[in-house]
């Protein structure tokens, strides 16, 4: 089970990434979102889904939630 439930039933998942200098961290974003979809993590009862990803566009993987229409709204901080 990769999902933890915390305060006020907030569900959290930490996907991590490859070792520094090895692989593409953006690939980890893509793999994580696809895995969560396959496992049914995105239920109709969820009010919000929030991704905290790097703003760096080294390999394009970080933009996947935008490119694949996985996001209805995007906030850049």
Protein backbone atom coordinates (compact mmCIF):
# COMPACT_ATOMS: atom_id res chain seq x y z
CA UNK A 1 0.00 0.00 0.00
CA UNK A 2 1.67 3.23 -1.16
CA UNK A 3 -1.04 5.61 0.01
CA UNK A 4 -1.14 6.92 3.58
CA UNK A 5 -4.20 8.56 5.13
CA UNK A 6 -3.59 11.36 7.60
CA UNK A 7 -5.29 14.33 9.24
CA UNK A 8 -8.91 14.83 8.10
CA UNK A 9 -8.60 11.81 5.80
CA UNK A 10 -6.06 13.52 3.55
CA UNK A 11 -4.38 10.86 1.41
CA UNK A 12 -0.70 11.22 0.58
CA UNK A 13 1.69 9.46 -1.78
CA UNK A 14 5.42 10.10 -2.12
CA UNK A 15 6.91 8.75 -5.31
CA UNK A 16 10.52 9.82 -4.97
CA UNK A 17 12.77 9.60 -7.99
CA UNK A 18 16.01 8.20 -9.35
CA UNK A 19 19.41 8.74 -7.78
CA UNK A 20 20.87 12.15 -8.60
CA UNK A 21 22.60 12.02 -11.97
CA UNK A 22 20.89 8.75 -12.94
CA UNK A 23 17.78 8.72 -15.09
CA UNK A 24 15.11 11.34 -15.54
CA UNK A 25 13.06 12.49 -12.55
CA UNK A 26 10.30 13.55 -14.95
CA UNK A 27 9.95 9.90 -15.94
CA UNK A 28 9.14 9.24 -12.27
CA UNK A 29 6.25 11.71 -12.46
CA UNK A 30 4.81 9.94 -15.49
CA UNK A 31 5.28 6.47 -13.97
CA UNK A 32 3.76 7.54 -10.64
CA UNK A 33 0.62 9.06 -12.13
CA UNK A 34 0.10 6.09 -14.45
CA UNK A 35 0.54 3.67 -11.52
CA UNK A 36 -1.98 5.56 -9.38
CA UNK A 37 -4.50 5.55 -12.24
CA UNK A 38 -4.05 1.81 -12.78
CA UNK A 39 -4.52 1.14 -9.05
CA UNK A 40 -7.74 3.20 -8.91
CA UNK A 41 -6.36 5.92 -6.65
CA UNK A 42 -8.38 8.66 -8.35
CA UNK A 43 -11.84 8.03 -6.93
CA UNK A 44 -14.90 10.10 -7.76
CA UNK A 45 -15.16 11.00 -4.05
CA UNK A 46 -11.92 13.01 -4.09
CA UNK A 47 -12.34 16.77 -3.92
CA UNK A 48 -8.81 17.70 -5.00
CA UNK A 49 -5.65 16.08 -6.29
CA UNK A 50 -2.47 18.08 -5.87
CA UNK A 51 0.92 17.41 -7.48
CA UNK A 52 4.07 19.05 -6.21
CA UNK A 53 6.54 18.75 -9.07
CA UNK A 54 9.67 20.62 -10.07
CA UNK A 55 9.21 23.54 -12.41
CA UNK A 56 12.33 22.56 -14.30
CA UNK A 57 11.69 21.31 -17.82
CA UNK A 58 14.89 19.31 -18.30
CA UNK A 59 13.17 16.31 -19.87
CA UNK A 60 9.51 17.31 -20.16
CA UNK A 61 8.21 14.71 -17.72
CA UNK A 62 7.38 17.34 -15.13
CA UNK A 63 4.88 18.88 -17.56
CA UNK A 64 3.04 15.56 -18.01
CA UNK A 65 0.04 16.45 -15.78
CA UNK A 66 -0.50 19.52 -17.99
CA UNK A 67 0.26 17.90 -21.34
CA UNK A 68 -1.95 14.85 -20.70
CA UNK A 69 -4.90 16.96 -19.46
CA UNK A 70 -4.58 15.48 -15.96
CA UNK A 71 -5.14 18.90 -14.42
CA UNK A 72 -8.21 21.14 -14.51
CA UNK A 73 -6.36 24.01 -12.84
CA UNK A 74 -2.66 24.78 -12.50
CA UNK A 75 -1.02 27.01 -9.89
CA UNK A 76 2.59 28.05 -10.26
CA UNK A 77 4.21 29.18 -7.02
